[in-house]
Amino acid sequence: MAGRWQQSRAFPRHALDSGQWLLAAFAGLLLVWSVAQTGVSGVHQVHAALSFGALIAFGELLRLNLPGDREAAPIATAGAMAYALVLKIGDEPARPEAAQVIAVTALAMIVGALPHLAAGRPARLTAMSGRLLAVACVAAVFRPLANAGLIGGHWWTQLPVMLGLIIVAWGVESVVTALIRTDALRTRFGVALGDELRVQWPIVAATGASALLIVFAAELIGLGAVAVFAAPLLVTQVALRRYSGIRATYLQTVRALARVTEIGGYVETGHSARVSRLAVAVGRELGMPEAALLELEYAALMHDIGQLSLRDPVPGGATVLVGRDDQRRIAEYGAEVIQQARVLDSVADIVRRQSDPCRPADRSEPPPPLSSRIIRAANAYDDLVGTSPDPSQAAEAVERLRLDTAAEYDPRVVDALGRLVLPA
């Protein structure tokens, strides 16, 4: 029973679903059409196509994973956008057709992805398809206008058009990615789109600025601009990779710290991980943004660390069965331990308030944060059910939580939890 909601709702699926297949199929058709069209019309400025293609392939080779199981290829994206927007290379006008831009971008992406496949890493067709679709939108709009001479003159007349198309491409890629993540994570589209825009805008700002620099510098120094202005993006990419590594290390450290209570015999093995998965699933069901879900995951993993203050462990670690004062003492001690890190103050506050009832007796006191209410319900559910596969036991636990929603548990949280763990 527990494995059902964990697999189907709590984590992204690695197998391509129908939406991902549709996106990949569309990108494949776009590739076939663009290559065929380019073969008929011929390749314009082969040296430029090879130079930009090499930059795109190099960027695809150096793609990186961002928090939330996202993929980004800043150098490849900047190179593709620059090729779609370039007007002149030295003294020679740049006149690649939209189909040629799409073909060069797609083939270069494939070349850059081959070493990843050879090393046994996934192809990431969805992310590649989303980037190709964004570049195709820019090329389809800009290249006909540029090749017809409708975009020219001074840089200040060209810049707004280019900048607007980069923003449109960002919107297209964000919408496509949000649609895929909405289905994969079973979250709300508005929440997924907001998360995408928040995560992607710094990268889009860097790649967009680099693409525009390459476009305008190519007119002055030729194809050398392709390499010169890709260097700042390489530095940015190194910084992003370090940030992702630090965040992953944080999570690993928190998970290791959460196991201390299990090793010490204060809670059942796997309790913290189960509560964390269920809490994150409930938070996603309620439409919490990704940043709040990360804090919720940290807090849920460490919600029982305060039990280390007890002389005698609670039987089975089930804090739902102890008195209110003991619950508050455990929560307060856990919050103090977390605050020692000096970077997780918000997580400490979530842990501290997890023992508070949904509706405080003192009406002037604010209710606990939503994350605290979620952890309170998820912890109580796991204390009552544990690893039992019996659906009737799960139903009894949810019903017990519902009977206590008058003051103890948030009714919205209990309803969301019930939708996740009970048969439809």
Protein backbone atom coordinates (compact mmCIF):
# COMPACT_ATOMS: atom_id res chain seq x y z
CA MET A 1 0.00 0.00 0.00
CA ALA A 2 2.70 2.48 1.02
CA GLY A 3 4.73 1.65 -2.07
CA ARG A 4 1.78 2.54 -4.28
CA TRP A 5 1.63 6.24 -3.42
CA GLN A 6 5.39 6.54 -3.14
CA GLN A 7 5.95 5.30 -6.67
CA SER A 8 2.97 6.82 -8.43
CA ARG A 9 2.79 10.22 -6.81
CA ALA A 10 5.89 11.13 -4.83
CA PHE A 11 8.63 10.80 -7.40
CA PRO A 12 9.13 11.58 -11.09
CA ARG A 13 8.99 8.54 -13.33
CA HIS A 14 12.05 7.71 -15.38
CA ALA A 15 10.07 5.92 -18.09
CA LEU A 16 8.66 8.24 -20.74
CA ASP A 17 4.93 8.80 -20.34
CA SER A 18 2.55 9.80 -23.12
CA GLY A 19 3.28 13.53 -22.81
CA GLN A 20 7.02 12.98 -22.96
CA TRP A 21 6.67 10.63 -25.92
CA LEU A 22 4.55 13.22 -27.71
CA LEU A 23 7.16 15.92 -27.16
CA ALA A 24 10.00 13.64 -28.26
CA ALA A 25 8.03 12.53 -31.33
CA PHE A 26 7.35 16.14 -32.31
CA ALA A 27 11.05 16.98 -31.91
CA GLY A 28 11.92 13.98 -34.08
CA LEU A 29 9.54 15.10 -36.82
CA LEU A 30 11.00 18.60 -36.57
CA LEU A 31 14.48 17.14 -37.03
CA VAL A 32 13.48 15.08 -40.07
CA TRP A 33 11.70 18.04 -41.69
CA SER A 34 14.55 20.47 -41.05
CA VAL A 35 17.23 18.11 -42.38
CA ALA A 36 15.17 17.35 -45.49
CA GLN A 37 14.45 21.03 -46.09
CA THR A 38 18.10 21.95 -45.62
CA GLY A 39 19.16 19.17 -47.98
CA VAL A 40 16.86 20.55 -50.67
CA SER A 41 17.79 24.22 -50.27
CA GLY A 42 21.48 23.64 -49.48
CA VAL A 43 23.60 24.70 -46.53
CA HIS A 44 24.29 28.41 -46.27
CA GLN A 45 27.71 29.39 -44.88
CA VAL A 46 29.02 25.95 -43.99
CA HIS A 47 31.83 27.34 -41.82
CA ALA A 48 29.35 29.20 -39.63
CA ALA A 49 27.11 26.14 -39.35
CA LEU A 50 30.07 24.02 -38.25
CA SER A 51 31.28 26.61 -35.73
CA PHE A 52 27.91 27.11 -34.08
CA GLY A 53 27.23 23.37 -34.26
CA ALA A 54 30.50 22.63 -32.47
CA LEU A 55 29.59 25.10 -29.71
CA ILE A 56 26.16 23.52 -29.29
CA ALA A 57 27.61 20.00 -29.18
CA PHE A 58 30.22 21.10 -26.65
CA GLY A 59 27.53 22.68 -24.49
CA GLU A 60 25.39 19.56 -24.68
CA LEU A 61 28.37 17.49 -23.60
CA LEU A 62 28.75 19.73 -20.53
CA ARG A 63 25.05 19.75 -19.59
CA LEU A 64 24.33 19.67 -15.89
CA ASN A 65 21.63 18.59 -13.49
CA LEU A 66 19.89 21.27 -11.44
CA PRO A 67 17.89 20.83 -8.23
CA GLY A 68 14.58 19.11 -8.78
CA ASP A 69 15.96 16.61 -11.32
CA ARG A 70 16.17 19.29 -14.00
CA GLU A 71 18.67 19.43 -16.80
CA ALA A 72 20.26 22.54 -18.29
CA ALA A 73 22.78 23.11 -21.07
CA PRO A 74 23.57 26.85 -20.87
CA ILE A 75 26.40 26.87 -23.41
CA ALA A 76 24.42 24.83 -25.94
CA THR A 77 21.35 27.02 -25.50
CA ALA A 78 23.35 30.23 -25.91
CA GLY A 79 25.01 28.90 -29.04
CA ALA A 80 21.72 27.80 -30.59
CA MET A 81 20.01 31.10 -29.78
CA ALA A 82 22.95 33.06 -31.21
CA TYR A 83 22.83 31.03 -34.43
CA ALA A 84 19.10 31.67 -34.74
CA LEU A 85 19.58 35.44 -34.22
CA VAL A 86 22.88 36.16 -35.99
CA LEU A 87 22.70 38.87 -38.68
CA LYS A 88 26.27 39.29 -39.88
CA ILE A 89 29.53 37.38 -39.52
CA GLY A 90 32.27 39.86 -40.18
CA ASP A 91 31.35 41.76 -43.34
CA GLU A 92 29.24 38.88 -44.70
CA PRO A 93 25.49 38.82 -44.03
CA ALA A 94 24.30 35.69 -42.25
CA ARG A 95 21.36 34.14 -44.07
CA PRO A 96 20.70 30.66 -42.65
CA GLU A 97 17.14 29.50 -43.13
CA ALA A 98 15.06 28.56 -40.11
CA ALA A 99 15.21 24.90 -41.17
CA GLN A 100 19.02 25.04 -41.25
CA VAL A 101 19.17 26.52 -37.75
CA ILE A 102 16.88 23.78 -36.43
CA ALA A 103 18.80 21.03 -38.23
CA VAL A 104 22.21 22.22 -37.01
CA THR A 105 20.91 22.59 -33.45
CA ALA A 106 19.25 19.16 -33.38
CA LEU A 107 22.18 17.30 -34.94
CA ALA A 108 24.67 19.04 -32.66
CA MET A 109 22.58 18.13 -29.62
CA ILE A 110 22.61 14.50 -30.71
CA VAL A 111 26.38 14.57 -31.20
CA GLY A 112 26.86 16.13 -27.76
CA ALA A 113 24.57 13.55 -26.15
CA LEU A 114 26.39 10.52 -27.62
CA PRO A 115 29.19 10.49 -24.99
CA HIS A 116 26.54 10.52 -22.25
CA LEU A 117 24.85 7.50 -23.82
CA ALA A 118 28.20 5.76 -24.21
CA ALA A 119 28.85 6.30 -20.49
CA GLY A 120 25.49 4.77 -19.60
CA ARG A 121 23.78 8.02 -18.63
CA PRO A 122 20.19 8.69 -19.75
CA ALA A 123 19.57 10.52 -23.02
CA ARG A 124 17.25 13.12 -21.41
CA LEU A 125 15.13 13.34 -24.55
CA THR A 126 12.50 15.48 -22.86
CA ALA A 127 14.92 18.25 -21.89
CA MET A 128 16.62 18.17 -25.29
CA SER A 129 13.27 18.31 -27.05
CA GLY A 130 12.17 21.29 -24.95
CA ARG A 131 15.36 23.21 -25.79
CA LEU A 132 15.01 22.37 -29.48
CA LEU A 133 11.40 23.54 -29.51
CA ALA A 134 12.38 26.87 -27.93
CA VAL A 135 15.14 27.43 -30.53
CA ALA A 136 12.76 26.44 -33.32
CA CYS A 137 10.25 29.08 -32.21
CA VAL A 138 12.92 31.79 -32.30
CA ALA A 139 14.28 30.66 -35.68
CA ALA A 140 10.82 30.33 -37.24
CA VAL A 141 9.98 33.93 -36.34
CA PHE A 142 13.35 35.68 -36.70
CA ARG A 143 15.03 34.07 -39.70
CA PRO A 144 12.34 34.91 -42.31
CA LEU A 145 12.31 38.54 -41.13
CA ALA A 146 16.10 38.81 -41.05
CA ASN A 147 16.64 37.08 -44.40
CA ALA A 148 14.07 39.38 -46.02
CA GLY A 149 15.93 42.44 -44.71
CA LEU A 150 13.10 43.49 -42.41
CA ILE A 151 15.38 43.47 -39.36
CA GLY A 152 18.48 45.56 -39.74
CA GLY A 153 19.84 49.01 -39.18
CA HIS A 154 21.23 49.93 -35.80
CA TRP A 155 21.71 47.63 -32.86
CA TRP A 156 19.15 49.46 -30.74
CA THR A 157 16.42 48.56 -33.22
CA GLN A 158 17.53 44.92 -33.40
CA LEU A 159 18.02 44.37 -29.67
CA PRO A 160 14.37 44.67 -28.55
CA VAL A 161 13.25 42.10 -31.15
CA MET A 162 15.98 39.66 -30.18
CA LEU A 163 15.38 40.16 -26.47
CA GLY A 164 11.64 39.66 -26.90
CA LEU A 165 12.17 36.40 -28.79
CA ILE A 166 14.54 35.09 -26.10
CA ILE A 167 11.87 35.80 -23.49
CA VAL A 168 9.28 34.02 -25.65
CA ALA A 169 11.61 31.03 -25.99
CA TRP A 170 12.04 30.96 -22.21
CA GLY A 171 8.28 30.98 -21.80
CA VAL A 172 7.80 28.18 -24.32
CA GLU A 173 10.42 25.94 -22.72
CA SER A 174 9.08 26.68 -19.21
CA VAL A 175 5.50 25.88 -20.20
CA VAL A 176 6.51 22.62 -21.91
CA THR A 177 8.66 21.55 -18.96
CA ALA A 178 5.94 22.52 -16.47
CA LEU A 179 3.38 20.44 -18.37
CA ILE A 180 5.68 17.41 -18.27
CA ARG A 181 6.45 17.86 -14.56
CA THR A 182 2.78 18.41 -13.75
CA ASP A 183 2.02 14.95 -15.09
CA ALA A 184 5.15 13.29 -13.70
CA LEU A 185 4.89 14.73 -10.18
CA ARG A 186 1.09 14.95 -10.02
CA THR A 187 1.31 18.59 -9.03
CA ARG A 188 -0.61 21.65 -10.17
CA PHE A 189 0.37 23.29 -13.44
CA GLY A 190 0.47 26.79 -11.93
CA VAL A 191 2.80 25.62 -9.17
CA ALA A 192 5.04 23.72 -11.61
CA LEU A 193 5.21 26.71 -13.96
CA GLY A 194 6.08 29.06 -11.10
CA ASP A 195 8.85 26.70 -9.97
CA GLU A 196 10.23 26.52 -13.51
CA LEU A 197 10.29 30.28 -13.95
CA ARG A 198 12.00 30.79 -10.59
CA VAL A 199 14.65 28.15 -11.24
CA GLN A 200 15.29 29.01 -14.88
CA TRP A 201 15.38 32.80 -14.92
CA PRO A 202 19.01 33.21 -13.71
CA ILE A 203 20.17 30.69 -16.31
CA VAL A 204 18.04 32.32 -19.01
CA ALA A 205 19.50 35.73 -18.12
CA ALA A 206 23.04 34.39 -18.48
CA THR A 207 22.41 32.41 -21.67
CA GLY A 208 20.35 35.19 -23.25
CA ALA A 209 23.01 37.81 -22.54
CA SER A 210 25.74 35.53 -23.91
CA ALA A 211 23.72 34.81 -27.05
CA LEU A 212 23.21 38.51 -27.71
CA LEU A 213 26.91 39.24 -27.10
CA ILE A 214 27.86 36.53 -29.60
CA VAL A 215 25.41 37.95 -32.17
CA PHE A 216 26.72 41.52 -32.01
CA ALA A 217 30.38 40.55 -31.55
CA ALA A 218 30.24 38.23 -34.57
CA GLU A 219 29.78 41.30 -36.77
CA LEU A 220 33.02 42.79 -35.43
CA ILE A 221 35.36 39.85 -34.89
CA GLY A 222 33.71 37.09 -36.91
CA LEU A 223 33.34 33.52 -35.72
CA GLY A 224 35.91 34.08 -32.98
CA ALA A 225 33.06 35.57 -30.96
CA VAL A 226 31.57 32.10 -30.70
CA ALA A 227 34.43 30.92 -28.54
CA VAL A 228 35.26 34.18 -26.77
CA PHE A 229 31.81 34.84 -25.35
CA ALA A 230 31.14 31.22 -24.43
CA ALA A 231 33.85 31.42 -21.76
CA PRO A 232 31.78 33.44 -19.23
CA LEU A 233 29.01 30.85 -19.53
CA LEU A 234 31.52 28.13 -18.75
CA VAL A 235 32.36 29.89 -15.48
CA THR A 236 28.65 30.25 -14.70
CA GLN A 237 28.11 26.58 -15.41
CA VAL A 238 30.89 25.60 -13.01
CA ALA A 239 29.24 27.72 -10.30
CA LEU A 240 25.86 26.08 -10.97
CA ARG A 241 27.41 22.64 -10.77
CA ARG A 242 29.00 23.48 -7.42
CA TYR A 243 25.67 24.80 -6.11
CA SER A 244 23.90 21.60 -7.13
CA GLY A 245 26.63 19.56 -5.46
CA ILE A 246 26.35 21.55 -2.22
CA ARG A 247 22.59 21.11 -2.17
CA ALA A 248 22.92 17.36 -2.74
CA THR A 249 25.48 17.17 0.08
CA TYR A 250 23.09 19.04 2.37
CA LEU A 251 20.36 16.49 1.73
CA GLN A 252 22.72 13.57 2.25
CA THR A 253 23.91 15.08 5.54
CA VAL A 254 20.34 15.60 6.74
CA ARG A 255 19.44 12.03 5.85
CA ALA A 256 22.47 10.72 7.74
CA LEU A 257 21.56 12.86 10.76
CA ALA A 258 17.98 11.58 10.64
CA ARG A 259 19.23 8.00 10.97
CA VAL A 260 20.79 8.69 14.37
CA THR A 261 17.43 8.15 16.07
CA GLU A 262 17.00 4.85 14.22
CA ILE A 263 20.47 3.60 15.09
CA GLY A 264 19.90 4.57 18.72
CA GLY A 265 16.67 2.59 18.82
CA TYR A 266 14.44 5.62 19.40
CA VAL A 267 12.31 5.11 16.28
CA GLU A 268 11.63 2.25 13.91
CA THR A 269 13.95 1.74 10.98
CA GLY A 270 12.82 3.76 7.97
CA HIS A 271 10.35 5.88 9.95
CA SER A 272 11.95 9.24 9.11
CA ALA A 273 12.27 8.42 5.42
CA ARG A 274 8.63 7.26 5.23
CA VAL A 275 7.37 10.37 7.00
CA SER A 276 9.48 12.56 4.70
CA ARG A 277 8.17 10.93 1.52
CA LEU A 278 4.59 11.10 2.69
CA ALA A 279 4.94 14.70 3.89
CA VAL A 280 6.41 15.83 0.56
CA ALA A 281 3.65 14.01 -1.33
CA VAL A 282 1.00 15.71 0.82
CA GLY A 283 2.68 19.09 0.35
CA ARG A 284 2.73 18.59 -3.40
CA GLU A 285 -0.93 17.52 -3.30
CA LEU A 286 -1.71 20.82 -1.55
CA GLY A 287 0.17 22.83 -4.16
CA MET A 288 3.26 23.87 -2.19
CA PRO A 289 6.08 25.38 -4.29
CA GLU A 290 9.34 23.53 -4.70
CA ALA A 291 11.36 25.68 -2.28
CA ALA A 292 8.82 25.03 0.48
CA LEU A 293 8.82 21.31 -0.35
CA LEU A 294 12.59 21.19 0.12
CA GLU A 295 12.30 22.74 3.59
CA LEU A 296 9.47 20.33 4.35
CA GLU A 297 11.64 17.38 3.32
CA TYR A 298 14.49 18.53 5.58
CA ALA A 299 12.15 19.09 8.53
CA ALA A 300 10.35 15.79 8.06
CA LEU A 301 13.62 13.86 7.96
CA MET A 302 14.73 15.44 11.26
CA HIS A 303 11.35 15.73 12.98
CA ASP A 304 12.18 13.04 15.58
CA ILE A 305 15.74 14.03 16.38
CA GLY A 306 14.50 15.58 19.63
CA GLN A 307 13.83 12.08 20.97
CA LEU A 308 17.54 11.88 21.73
CA SER A 309 16.72 14.00 24.81
CA LEU A 310 14.61 11.20 26.32
CA ARG A 311 16.08 8.98 28.99
CA ASP A 312 13.75 6.16 28.05
CA PRO A 313 12.77 5.81 24.37
CA VAL A 314 9.09 6.01 23.50
CA PRO A 315 7.81 2.49 22.71
CA GLY A 316 8.21 2.08 18.98
CA GLY A 317 9.12 5.76 18.72
CA ALA A 318 5.41 6.57 18.34
CA THR A 319 5.24 10.16 19.59
CA VAL A 320 1.54 10.23 18.69
CA LEU A 321 0.96 8.12 21.81
CA VAL A 322 2.79 10.36 24.30
CA GLY A 323 1.45 13.40 26.13
CA ARG A 324 1.38 16.95 24.76
CA ASP A 325 4.17 18.16 27.07
CA ASP A 326 6.50 15.37 25.96
CA GLN A 327 5.70 16.10 22.32
CA ARG A 328 6.56 19.76 22.80
CA ARG A 329 9.78 18.95 24.63
CA ILE A 330 10.87 16.60 21.85
CA ALA A 331 10.04 19.19 19.19
CA GLU A 332 11.80 22.00 21.05
CA TYR A 333 14.97 19.97 21.59
CA GLY A 334 14.99 18.90 17.95
CA ALA A 335 14.66 22.53 16.84
CA GLU A 336 17.59 23.53 19.05
CA VAL A 337 19.77 20.82 17.51
CA ILE A 338 18.88 21.94 13.98
CA GLN A 339 19.56 25.60 14.81
CA GLN A 340 23.15 24.72 15.63
CA ALA A 341 23.73 24.43 11.88
CA ARG A 342 22.94 28.19 11.62
CA VAL A 343 21.63 27.80 8.06
CA LEU A 344 18.38 25.93 8.67
CA ASP A 345 16.48 28.34 10.91
CA SER A 346 13.25 28.01 8.93
CA VAL A 347 13.51 24.22 9.15
CA ALA A 348 14.05 24.48 12.89
CA ASP A 349 10.88 26.56 13.23
CA ILE A 350 8.90 23.93 11.30
CA VAL A 351 10.18 21.20 13.63
CA ARG A 352 9.49 23.31 16.72
CA ARG A 353 5.85 23.92 15.75
CA GLN A 354 5.10 20.32 14.67
CA SER A 355 3.72 19.47 18.11
CA ASP A 356 1.28 22.38 18.13
CA PRO A 357 -2.37 21.58 17.42
CA CYS A 358 -3.95 22.88 14.24
CA ARG A 359 -6.13 25.27 16.23
CA PRO A 360 -4.26 26.67 19.27
CA ALA A 361 -6.25 27.02 22.47
CA ASP A 362 -5.15 30.64 22.65
CA ARG A 363 -6.93 32.33 19.72
CA SER A 364 -4.34 35.12 19.71
CA GLU A 365 -1.56 32.64 18.93
CA PRO A 366 -0.95 32.06 15.21
CA PRO A 367 -1.52 28.53 13.89
CA PRO A 368 1.56 26.45 13.08
CA PRO A 369 2.98 26.67 9.55
CA LEU A 370 1.47 24.39 6.92
CA SER A 371 4.68 22.34 6.83
CA SER A 372 4.42 21.71 10.59
CA ARG A 373 0.80 20.61 10.21
CA ILE A 374 1.75 18.26 7.40
CA ILE A 375 4.56 16.66 9.43
CA ARG A 376 2.24 16.27 12.42
CA ALA A 377 -0.29 14.33 10.36
CA ALA A 378 2.27 12.31 8.37
CA ASN A 379 4.13 11.34 11.55
CA ALA A 380 0.92 10.30 13.31
CA TYR A 381 -0.13 8.22 10.30
CA ASP A 382 3.21 6.40 10.14
CA ASP A 383 3.21 5.86 13.91
CA LEU A 384 -0.16 4.13 13.56
CA VAL A 385 0.51 2.18 10.35
CA GLY A 386 4.26 1.76 10.00
CA THR A 387 5.15 -0.71 7.27
CA SER A 388 1.87 -2.61 7.47
CA PRO A 389 0.43 -3.44 4.01
CA ASP A 390 -3.10 -3.88 5.42
CA PRO A 391 -5.46 -1.36 3.70
CA SER A 392 -7.91 -1.58 6.58
CA GLN A 393 -5.23 -0.40 9.01
CA ALA A 394 -4.49 2.57 6.76
CA ALA A 395 -8.20 3.39 6.61
CA GLU A 396 -8.48 3.18 10.40
CA ALA A 397 -5.48 5.49 10.85
CA VAL A 398 -6.89 8.10 8.47
CA GLU A 399 -10.28 7.89 10.18
CA ARG A 400 -8.64 8.41 13.56
CA LEU A 401 -6.89 11.51 12.25
CA ARG A 402 -10.17 12.80 10.85
CA LEU A 403 -11.87 12.39 14.23
CA ASP A 404 -9.14 14.57 15.74
CA THR A 405 -9.29 17.32 13.11
CA ALA A 406 -11.46 19.49 15.34
CA ALA A 407 -8.28 20.77 17.00
CA GLU A 408 -5.29 18.48 16.46
CA TYR A 409 -4.93 18.03 12.71
CA ASP A 410 -5.60 20.26 9.72
CA PRO A 411 -8.64 18.87 7.83
CA ARG A 412 -7.13 19.81 4.45
CA VAL A 413 -3.93 17.96 5.30
CA VAL A 414 -5.78 14.86 6.46
CA ASP A 415 -7.97 14.87 3.33
CA ALA A 416 -4.89 15.14 1.09
CA LEU A 417 -3.18 12.35 3.04
CA GLY A 418 -6.27 10.17 2.67
CA ARG A 419 -6.31 10.68 -1.10
CA LEU A 420 -2.73 9.49 -1.25
CA VAL A 421 -2.82 6.39 0.95
CA LEU A 422 -6.36 5.07 0.51
CA PRO A 423 -7.58 3.17 -2.57
CA ALA A 424 -9.42 5.37 -5.07
